[in-house]
Amino acid sequence: DVIEPFSAGIEKHDLNPLAVKVMAEAGVDISK
């Protein structure tokens, strides 16, 4: 509601599926 976050890389890699899994377990969806 107060911060507009962005993320980027110096280079491009695939999204780590373990990051998606761990975040989902914590209730945060980054699957998109």
PDB file of all heavy atoms in Angstrom:
ATOM      1  N   ASP A   1       0.809  -1.211   0.000  1.00  0.00           N
ATOM      2  CA  ASP A   1       0.000   0.000   0.000  1.00  0.00           C
ATOM      3  C   ASP A   1       0.847   1.268   0.000  1.00  0.00           C
ATOM      4  O   ASP A   1       0.362   2.339  -0.368  1.00  0.00           O
ATOM      5  CB  ASP A   1      -0.952   0.002   1.198  1.00  0.00           C
ATOM      6  CG  ASP A   1      -0.236  -0.143   2.533  1.00  0.00           C
ATOM      7  OD1 ASP A   1       0.855  -0.735   2.572  1.00  0.00           O
ATOM      8  OD2 ASP A   1      -0.776   0.347   3.545  1.00  0.00           O
ATOM      9  N   VAL A   2       2.118   1.174   0.378  1.00  0.00           N
ATOM     10  CA  VAL A   2       2.972   2.365   0.432  1.00  0.00           C
ATOM     11  C   VAL A   2       4.260   2.231  -0.391  1.00  0.00           C
ATOM     12  O   VAL A   2       4.918   3.223  -0.662  1.00  0.00           O
ATOM     13  CB  VAL A   2       3.348   2.741   1.895  1.00  0.00           C
ATOM     14  CG1 VAL A   2       2.138   3.215   2.653  1.00  0.00           C
ATOM     15  CG2 VAL A   2       4.027   1.596   2.611  1.00  0.00           C
ATOM     16  N   ILE A   3       4.623   1.007  -0.760  1.00  0.00           N
ATOM     17  CA  ILE A   3       5.837   0.781  -1.549  1.00  0.00           C
ATOM     18  C   ILE A   3       5.469   0.037  -2.822  1.00  0.00           C
ATOM     19  O   ILE A   3       4.761  -0.967  -2.785  1.00  0.00           O
ATOM     20  CB  ILE A   3       6.881  -0.041  -0.759  1.00  0.00           C
ATOM     21  CG1 ILE A   3       7.299   0.703   0.514  1.00  0.00           C
ATOM     22  CG2 ILE A   3       8.103  -0.345  -1.634  1.00  0.00           C
ATOM     23  CD1 ILE A   3       8.215  -0.098   1.428  1.00  0.00           C
ATOM     24  N   GLU A   4       5.964   0.529  -3.949  1.00  0.00           N
ATOM     25  CA  GLU A   4       5.793  -0.163  -5.223  1.00  0.00           C
ATOM     26  C   GLU A   4       7.107  -0.894  -5.516  1.00  0.00           C
ATOM     27  O   GLU A   4       8.081  -0.276  -5.942  1.00  0.00           O
ATOM     28  CB  GLU A   4       5.470   0.841  -6.329  1.00  0.00           C
ATOM     29  CG  GLU A   4       5.082   0.199  -7.630  1.00  0.00           C
ATOM     30  CD  GLU A   4       4.675   1.210  -8.686  1.00  0.00           C
ATOM     31  OE1 GLU A   4       4.696   2.431  -8.420  1.00  0.00           O
ATOM     32  OE2 GLU A   4       4.344   0.771  -9.799  1.00  0.00           O
ATOM     33  N   PRO A   5       7.150  -2.209  -5.235  1.00  0.00           N
ATOM     34  CA  PRO A   5       8.402  -2.941  -5.399  1.00  0.00           C
ATOM     35  C   PRO A   5       8.588  -3.506  -6.807  1.00  0.00           C
ATOM     36  O   PRO A   5       7.625  -3.856  -7.488  1.00  0.00           O
ATOM     37  CB  PRO A   5       8.272  -4.080  -4.384  1.00  0.00           C
ATOM     38  CG  PRO A   5       6.807  -4.357  -4.361  1.00  0.00           C
ATOM     39  CD  PRO A   5       6.128  -3.027  -4.600  1.00  0.00           C
ATOM     40  N   PHE A   6       9.841  -3.566  -7.209  1.00  0.00           N
ATOM     41  CA  PHE A   6      10.234  -4.167  -8.486  1.00  0.00           C
ATOM     42  C   PHE A   6      11.454  -5.036  -8.208  1.00  0.00           C
ATOM     43  O   PHE A   6      12.168  -4.826  -7.232  1.00  0.00           O
ATOM     44  CB  PHE A   6      10.626  -3.085  -9.500  1.00  0.00           C
ATOM     45  CG  PHE A   6       9.510  -2.163  -9.855  1.00  0.00           C
ATOM     46  CD1 PHE A   6       9.241  -1.039  -9.087  1.00  0.00           C
ATOM     47  CD2 PHE A   6       8.718  -2.406 -10.961  1.00  0.00           C
ATOM     48  CE1 PHE A   6       8.213  -0.177  -9.408  1.00  0.00           C
ATOM     49  CE2 PHE A   6       7.674  -1.548 -11.294  1.00  0.00           C
ATOM     50  CZ  PHE A   6       7.426  -0.433 -10.514  1.00  0.00           C
ATOM     51  N   SER A   7      11.708  -6.001  -9.069  1.00  0.00           N
ATOM     52  CA  SER A   7      12.939  -6.770  -8.985  1.00  0.00           C
ATOM     53  C   SER A   7      13.481  -6.973 -10.386  1.00  0.00           C
ATOM     54  O   SER A   7      12.729  -7.026 -11.353  1.00  0.00           O
ATOM     55  CB  SER A   7      12.718  -8.120  -8.286  1.00  0.00           C
ATOM     56  OG  SER A   7      11.894  -8.963  -9.054  1.00  0.00           O
ATOM     57  N   ALA A   8      14.804  -7.065 -10.454  1.00  0.00           N
ATOM     58  CA  ALA A   8      15.475  -7.284 -11.736  1.00  0.00           C
ATOM     59  C   ALA A   8      16.832  -7.901 -11.469  1.00  0.00           C
ATOM     60  O   ALA A   8      17.293  -7.957 -10.328  1.00  0.00           O
ATOM     61  CB  ALA A   8      15.630  -5.966 -12.498  1.00  0.00           C
ATOM     62  N   GLY A   9      17.453  -8.351 -12.555  1.00  0.00           N
ATOM     63  CA  GLY A   9      18.773  -8.941 -12.450  1.00  0.00           C
ATOM     64  C   GLY A   9      19.752  -8.270 -13.382  1.00  0.00           C
ATOM     65  O   GLY A   9      19.363  -7.659 -14.376  1.00  0.00           O
ATOM     66  N   ILE A  10      21.014  -8.385 -13.049  1.00  0.00           N
ATOM     67  CA  ILE A  10      22.071  -7.912 -13.942  1.00  0.00           C
ATOM     68  C   ILE A  10      22.004  -8.730 -15.231  1.00  0.00           C
ATOM     69  O   ILE A  10      22.245  -8.237 -16.318  1.00  0.00           O
ATOM     70  CB  ILE A  10      23.458  -8.074 -13.274  1.00  0.00           C
ATOM     71  CG1 ILE A  10      23.532  -7.286 -11.956  1.00  0.00           C
ATOM     72  CG2 ILE A  10      24.574  -7.685 -14.221  1.00  0.00           C
ATOM     73  CD1 ILE A  10      23.387  -5.779 -12.087  1.00  0.00           C
ATOM     74  N   GLU A  11      21.639  -9.999 -15.082  1.00  0.00           N
ATOM     75  CA  GLU A  11      21.383 -10.888 -16.215  1.00  0.00           C
ATOM     76  C   GLU A  11      20.092 -11.641 -15.910  1.00  0.00           C
ATOM     77  O   GLU A  11      19.537 -11.504 -14.830  1.00  0.00           O
ATOM     78  CB  GLU A  11      22.565 -11.846 -16.420  1.00  0.00           C
ATOM     79  CG  GLU A  11      22.945 -12.605 -15.171  1.00  0.00           C
ATOM     80  CD  GLU A  11      24.327 -13.230 -15.242  1.00  0.00           C
ATOM     81  OE1 GLU A  11      25.292 -12.520 -15.533  1.00  0.00           O
ATOM     82  OE2 GLU A  11      24.403 -14.441 -14.988  1.00  0.00           O
ATOM     83  N   LYS A  12      19.629 -12.414 -16.843  1.00  0.00           N
ATOM     84  CA  LYS A  12      18.336 -13.085 -16.711  1.00  0.00           C
ATOM     85  C   LYS A  12      18.517 -14.588 -16.505  1.00  0.00           C
ATOM     86  O   LYS A  12      19.188 -15.234 -17.291  1.00  0.00           O
ATOM     87  CB  LYS A  12      17.530 -12.816 -17.988  1.00  0.00           C
ATOM     88  CG  LYS A  12      16.107 -13.201 -17.928  1.00  0.00           C
ATOM     89  CD  LYS A  12      15.421 -12.696 -19.194  1.00  0.00           C
ATOM     90  CE  LYS A  12      13.995 -13.125 -19.223  1.00  0.00           C
ATOM     91  NZ  LYS A  12      13.263 -12.514 -20.326  1.00  0.00           N
ATOM     92  N   HIS A  13      17.935 -15.116 -15.422  1.00  0.00           N
ATOM     93  CA  HIS A  13      17.899 -16.554 -15.157  1.00  0.00           C
ATOM     94  C   HIS A  13      16.440 -16.953 -15.006  1.00  0.00           C
ATOM     95  O   HIS A  13      15.563 -16.100 -14.926  1.00  0.00           O
ATOM     96  CB  HIS A  13      18.650 -16.901 -13.871  1.00  0.00           C
ATOM     97  CG  HIS A  13      20.112 -16.586 -13.920  1.00  0.00           C
ATOM     98  ND1 HIS A  13      20.930 -16.739 -12.839  1.00  0.00           N
ATOM     99  CD2 HIS A  13      20.920 -16.116 -14.907  1.00  0.00           C
ATOM    100  CE1 HIS A  13      22.157 -16.390 -13.151  1.00  0.00           C
ATOM    101  NE2 HIS A  13      22.178 -16.003 -14.394  1.00  0.00           N
ATOM    102  N   ASP A  14      16.156 -18.233 -14.937  1.00  0.00           N
ATOM    103  CA  ASP A  14      14.781 -18.678 -14.699  1.00  0.00           C
ATOM    104  C   ASP A  14      14.405 -18.456 -13.240  1.00  0.00           C
ATOM    105  O   ASP A  14      15.245 -18.491 -12.353  1.00  0.00           O
ATOM    106  CB  ASP A  14      14.631 -20.164 -15.030  1.00  0.00           C
ATOM    107  CG  ASP A  14      14.714 -20.437 -16.521  1.00  0.00           C
ATOM    108  OD1 ASP A  14      14.384 -19.524 -17.308  1.00  0.00           O
ATOM    109  OD2 ASP A  14      15.119 -21.545 -16.899  1.00  0.00           O
ATOM    110  N   LEU A  15      13.113 -18.247 -12.997  1.00  0.00           N
ATOM    111  CA  LEU A  15      12.605 -18.125 -11.632  1.00  0.00           C
ATOM    112  C   LEU A  15      12.833 -19.455 -10.915  1.00  0.00           C
ATOM    113  O   LEU A  15      12.517 -20.523 -11.434  1.00  0.00           O
ATOM    114  CB  LEU A  15      11.110 -17.787 -11.662  1.00  0.00           C
ATOM    115  CG  LEU A  15      10.418 -17.583 -10.324  1.00  0.00           C
ATOM    116  CD1 LEU A  15      11.044 -16.442  -9.539  1.00  0.00           C
ATOM    117  CD2 LEU A  15       8.936 -17.297 -10.550  1.00  0.00           C
ATOM    118  N   ASN A  16      13.399 -19.397  -9.732  1.00  0.00           N
ATOM    119  CA  ASN A  16      13.717 -20.594  -8.960  1.00  0.00           C
ATOM    120  C   ASN A  16      12.428 -21.202  -8.392  1.00  0.00           C
ATOM    121  O   ASN A  16      11.737 -20.558  -7.609  1.00  0.00           O
ATOM    122  CB  ASN A  16      14.680 -20.232  -7.827  1.00  0.00           C
ATOM    123  CG  ASN A  16      15.189 -21.429  -7.079  1.00  0.00           C
ATOM    124  OD1 ASN A  16      14.469 -22.375  -6.816  1.00  0.00           O
ATOM    125  ND2 ASN A  16      16.457 -21.380  -6.712  1.00  0.00           N
ATOM    126  N   PRO A  17      12.084 -22.436  -8.774  1.00  0.00           N
ATOM    127  CA  PRO A  17      10.845 -23.052  -8.290  1.00  0.00           C
ATOM    128  C   PRO A  17      10.834 -23.243  -6.770  1.00  0.00           C
ATOM    129  O   PRO A  17       9.759 -23.242  -6.157  1.00  0.00           O
ATOM    130  CB  PRO A  17      10.778 -24.394  -9.020  1.00  0.00           C
ATOM    131  CG  PRO A  17      12.123 -24.625  -9.607  1.00  0.00           C
ATOM    132  CD  PRO A  17      12.817 -23.305  -9.703  1.00  0.00           C
ATOM    133  N   LEU A  18      11.999 -23.389  -6.154  1.00  0.00           N
ATOM    134  CA  LEU A  18      12.037 -23.516  -4.694  1.00  0.00           C
ATOM    135  C   LEU A  18      11.645 -22.201  -4.019  1.00  0.00           C
ATOM    136  O   LEU A  18      11.016 -22.204  -2.959  1.00  0.00           O
ATOM    137  CB  LEU A  18      13.419 -23.977  -4.224  1.00  0.00           C
ATOM    138  CG  LEU A  18      13.798 -25.392  -4.633  1.00  0.00           C
ATOM    139  CD1 LEU A  18      15.216 -25.720  -4.176  1.00  0.00           C
ATOM    140  CD2 LEU A  18      12.816 -26.409  -4.083  1.00  0.00           C
ATOM    141  N   ALA A  19      12.006 -21.073  -4.625  1.00  0.00           N
ATOM    142  CA  ALA A  19      11.596 -19.770  -4.090  1.00  0.00           C
ATOM    143  C   ALA A  19      10.073 -19.644  -4.140  1.00  0.00           C
ATOM    144  O   ALA A  19       9.448 -19.188  -3.182  1.00  0.00           O
ATOM    145  CB  ALA A  19      12.248 -18.640  -4.872  1.00  0.00           C
ATOM    146  N   VAL A  20       9.484 -20.064  -5.239  1.00  0.00           N
ATOM    147  CA  VAL A  20       8.028 -20.023  -5.384  1.00  0.00           C
ATOM    148  C   VAL A  20       7.375 -20.899  -4.322  1.00  0.00           C
ATOM    149  O   VAL A  20       6.408 -20.497  -3.661  1.00  0.00           O
ATOM    150  CB  VAL A  20       7.594 -20.472  -6.802  1.00  0.00           C
ATOM    151  CG1 VAL A  20       6.085 -20.556  -6.920  1.00  0.00           C
ATOM    152  CG2 VAL A  20       8.179 -19.541  -7.856  1.00  0.00           C
ATOM    153  N   LYS A  21       7.931 -22.088  -4.114  1.00  0.00           N
ATOM    154  CA  LYS A  21       7.382 -23.041  -3.141  1.00  0.00           C
ATOM    155  C   LYS A  21       7.455 -22.489  -1.717  1.00  0.00           C
ATOM    156  O   LYS A  21       6.475 -22.521  -0.967  1.00  0.00           O
ATOM    157  CB  LYS A  21       8.131 -24.367  -3.245  1.00  0.00           C
ATOM    158  CG  LYS A  21       7.637 -25.430  -2.294  1.00  0.00           C
ATOM    159  CD  LYS A  21       8.415 -26.730  -2.486  1.00  0.00           C
ATOM    160  CE  LYS A  21       7.797 -27.826  -1.651  1.00  0.00           C
ATOM    161  NZ  LYS A  21       8.611 -28.273  -0.571  1.00  0.00           N
ATOM    162  N   VAL A  22       8.622 -21.995  -1.330  1.00  0.00           N
ATOM    163  CA  VAL A  22       8.812 -21.480   0.034  1.00  0.00           C
ATOM    164  C   VAL A  22       7.914 -20.269   0.282  1.00  0.00           C
ATOM    165  O   VAL A  22       7.313 -20.141   1.350  1.00  0.00           O
ATOM    166  CB  VAL A  22      10.305 -21.130   0.262  1.00  0.00           C
ATOM    167  CG1 VAL A  22      10.494 -20.313   1.522  1.00  0.00           C
ATOM    168  CG2 VAL A  22      11.130 -22.403   0.329  1.00  0.00           C
ATOM    169  N   MET A  23       7.822 -19.396  -0.690  1.00  0.00           N
ATOM    170  CA  MET A  23       6.967 -18.216  -0.530  1.00  0.00           C
ATOM    171  C   MET A  23       5.498 -18.627  -0.416  1.00  0.00           C
ATOM    172  O   MET A  23       4.754 -18.077   0.403  1.00  0.00           O
ATOM    173  CB  MET A  23       7.170 -17.249  -1.698  1.00  0.00           C
ATOM    174  CG  MET A  23       8.543 -16.616  -1.729  1.00  0.00           C
ATOM    175  SD  MET A  23       8.885 -15.527  -0.340  1.00  0.00           S
ATOM    176  CE  MET A  23       7.954 -14.085  -0.826  1.00  0.00           C
ATOM    177  N   ALA A  24       5.075 -19.617  -1.202  1.00  0.00           N
ATOM    178  CA  ALA A  24       3.689 -20.102  -1.122  1.00  0.00           C
ATOM    179  C   ALA A  24       3.400 -20.681   0.255  1.00  0.00           C
ATOM    180  O   ALA A  24       2.322 -20.466   0.821  1.00  0.00           O
ATOM    181  CB  ALA A  24       3.433 -21.141  -2.211  1.00  0.00           C
ATOM    182  N   GLU A  25       4.374 -21.407   0.814  1.00  0.00           N
ATOM    183  CA  GLU A  25       4.200 -21.963   2.164  1.00  0.00           C
ATOM    184  C   GLU A  25       4.013 -20.861   3.202  1.00  0.00           C
ATOM    185  O   GLU A  25       3.337 -21.056   4.212  1.00  0.00           O
ATOM    186  CB  GLU A  25       5.409 -22.829   2.536  1.00  0.00           C
ATOM    187  CG  GLU A  25       5.476 -24.134   1.774  1.00  0.00           C
ATOM    188  CD  GLU A  25       6.765 -24.907   2.009  1.00  0.00           C
ATOM    189  OE1 GLU A  25       7.630 -24.438   2.796  1.00  0.00           O
ATOM    190  OE2 GLU A  25       6.918 -25.977   1.387  1.00  0.00           O
ATOM    191  N   ALA A  26       4.597 -19.687   2.935  1.00  0.00           N
ATOM    192  CA  ALA A  26       4.470 -18.542   3.854  1.00  0.00           C
ATOM    193  C   ALA A  26       3.251 -17.678   3.523  1.00  0.00           C
ATOM    194  O   ALA A  26       3.004 -16.678   4.179  1.00  0.00           O
ATOM    195  CB  ALA A  26       5.736 -17.695   3.799  1.00  0.00           C
ATOM    196  N   GLY A  27       2.513 -18.059   2.480  1.00  0.00           N
ATOM    197  CA  GLY A  27       1.303 -17.327   2.117  1.00  0.00           C
ATOM    198  C   GLY A  27       1.521 -16.179   1.146  1.00  0.00           C
ATOM    199  O   GLY A  27       0.667 -15.312   1.006  1.00  0.00           O
ATOM    200  N   VAL A  28       2.662 -16.170   0.468  1.00  0.00           N
ATOM    201  CA  VAL A  28       2.969 -15.114  -0.503  1.00  0.00           C
ATOM    202  C   VAL A  28       3.124 -15.755  -1.883  1.00  0.00           C
ATOM    203  O   VAL A  28       3.977 -16.617  -2.077  1.00  0.00           O
ATOM    204  CB  VAL A  28       4.261 -14.351  -0.119  1.00  0.00           C
ATOM    205  CG1 VAL A  28       4.549 -13.255  -1.133  1.00  0.00           C
ATOM    206  CG2 VAL A  28       4.157 -13.782   1.291  1.00  0.00           C
ATOM    207  N   ASP A  29       2.299 -15.342  -2.826  1.00  0.00           N
ATOM    208  CA  ASP A  29       2.302 -15.928  -4.162  1.00  0.00           C
ATOM    209  C   ASP A  29       3.207 -15.141  -5.110  1.00  0.00           C
ATOM    210  O   ASP A  29       2.917 -13.987  -5.426  1.00  0.00           O
ATOM    211  CB  ASP A  29       0.873 -15.954  -4.716  1.00  0.00           C
ATOM    212  CG  ASP A  29       0.774 -16.617  -6.073  1.00  0.00           C
ATOM    213  OD1 ASP A  29       1.750 -17.252  -6.528  1.00  0.00           O
ATOM    214  OD2 ASP A  29      -0.298 -16.485  -6.706  1.00  0.00           O
ATOM    215  N   ILE A  30       4.298 -15.748  -5.532  1.00  0.00           N
ATOM    216  CA  ILE A  30       5.158 -15.139  -6.553  1.00  0.00           C
ATOM    217  C   ILE A  30       5.168 -15.997  -7.823  1.00  0.00           C
ATOM    218  O   ILE A  30       6.039 -15.830  -8.676  1.00  0.00           O
ATOM    219  CB  ILE A  30       6.596 -14.881  -6.039  1.00  0.00           C
ATOM    220  CG1 ILE A  30       7.328 -16.178  -5.697  1.00  0.00           C
ATOM    221  CG2 ILE A  30       6.601 -13.917  -4.864  1.00  0.00           C
ATOM    222  CD1 ILE A  30       8.833 -16.009  -5.464  1.00  0.00           C
ATOM    223  N   SER A  31       4.202 -16.872  -7.955  1.00  0.00           N
ATOM    224  CA  SER A  31       4.181 -17.809  -9.079  1.00  0.00           C
ATOM    225  C   SER A  31       4.043 -17.121 -10.438  1.00  0.00           C
ATOM    226  O   SER A  31       4.425 -17.689 -11.456  1.00  0.00           O
ATOM    227  CB  SER A  31       3.057 -18.831  -8.904  1.00  0.00           C
ATOM    228  OG  SER A  31       1.797 -18.188  -8.918  1.00  0.00           O
ATOM    229  N   LYS A  32       3.536 -15.916 -10.465  1.00  0.00           N
ATOM    230  CA  LYS A  32       3.382 -15.179 -11.735  1.00  0.00           C
ATOM    231  C   LYS A  32       4.609 -14.305 -12.029  1.00  0.00           C
ATOM    232  O   LYS A  32       4.672 -13.675 -13.076  1.00  0.00           O
ATOM    233  CB  LYS A  32       2.132 -14.300 -11.688  1.00  0.00           C
ATOM    234  CG  LYS A  32       0.852 -15.047 -11.405  1.00  0.00           C
ATOM    235  CD  LYS A  32       0.269 -15.652 -12.649  1.00  0.00           C
ATOM    236  CE  LYS A  32      -1.127 -16.189 -12.418  1.00  0.00           C
ATOM    237  NZ  LYS A  32      -1.183 -17.549 -11.981  1.00  0.00           N
TER     238      LYS A  32
END
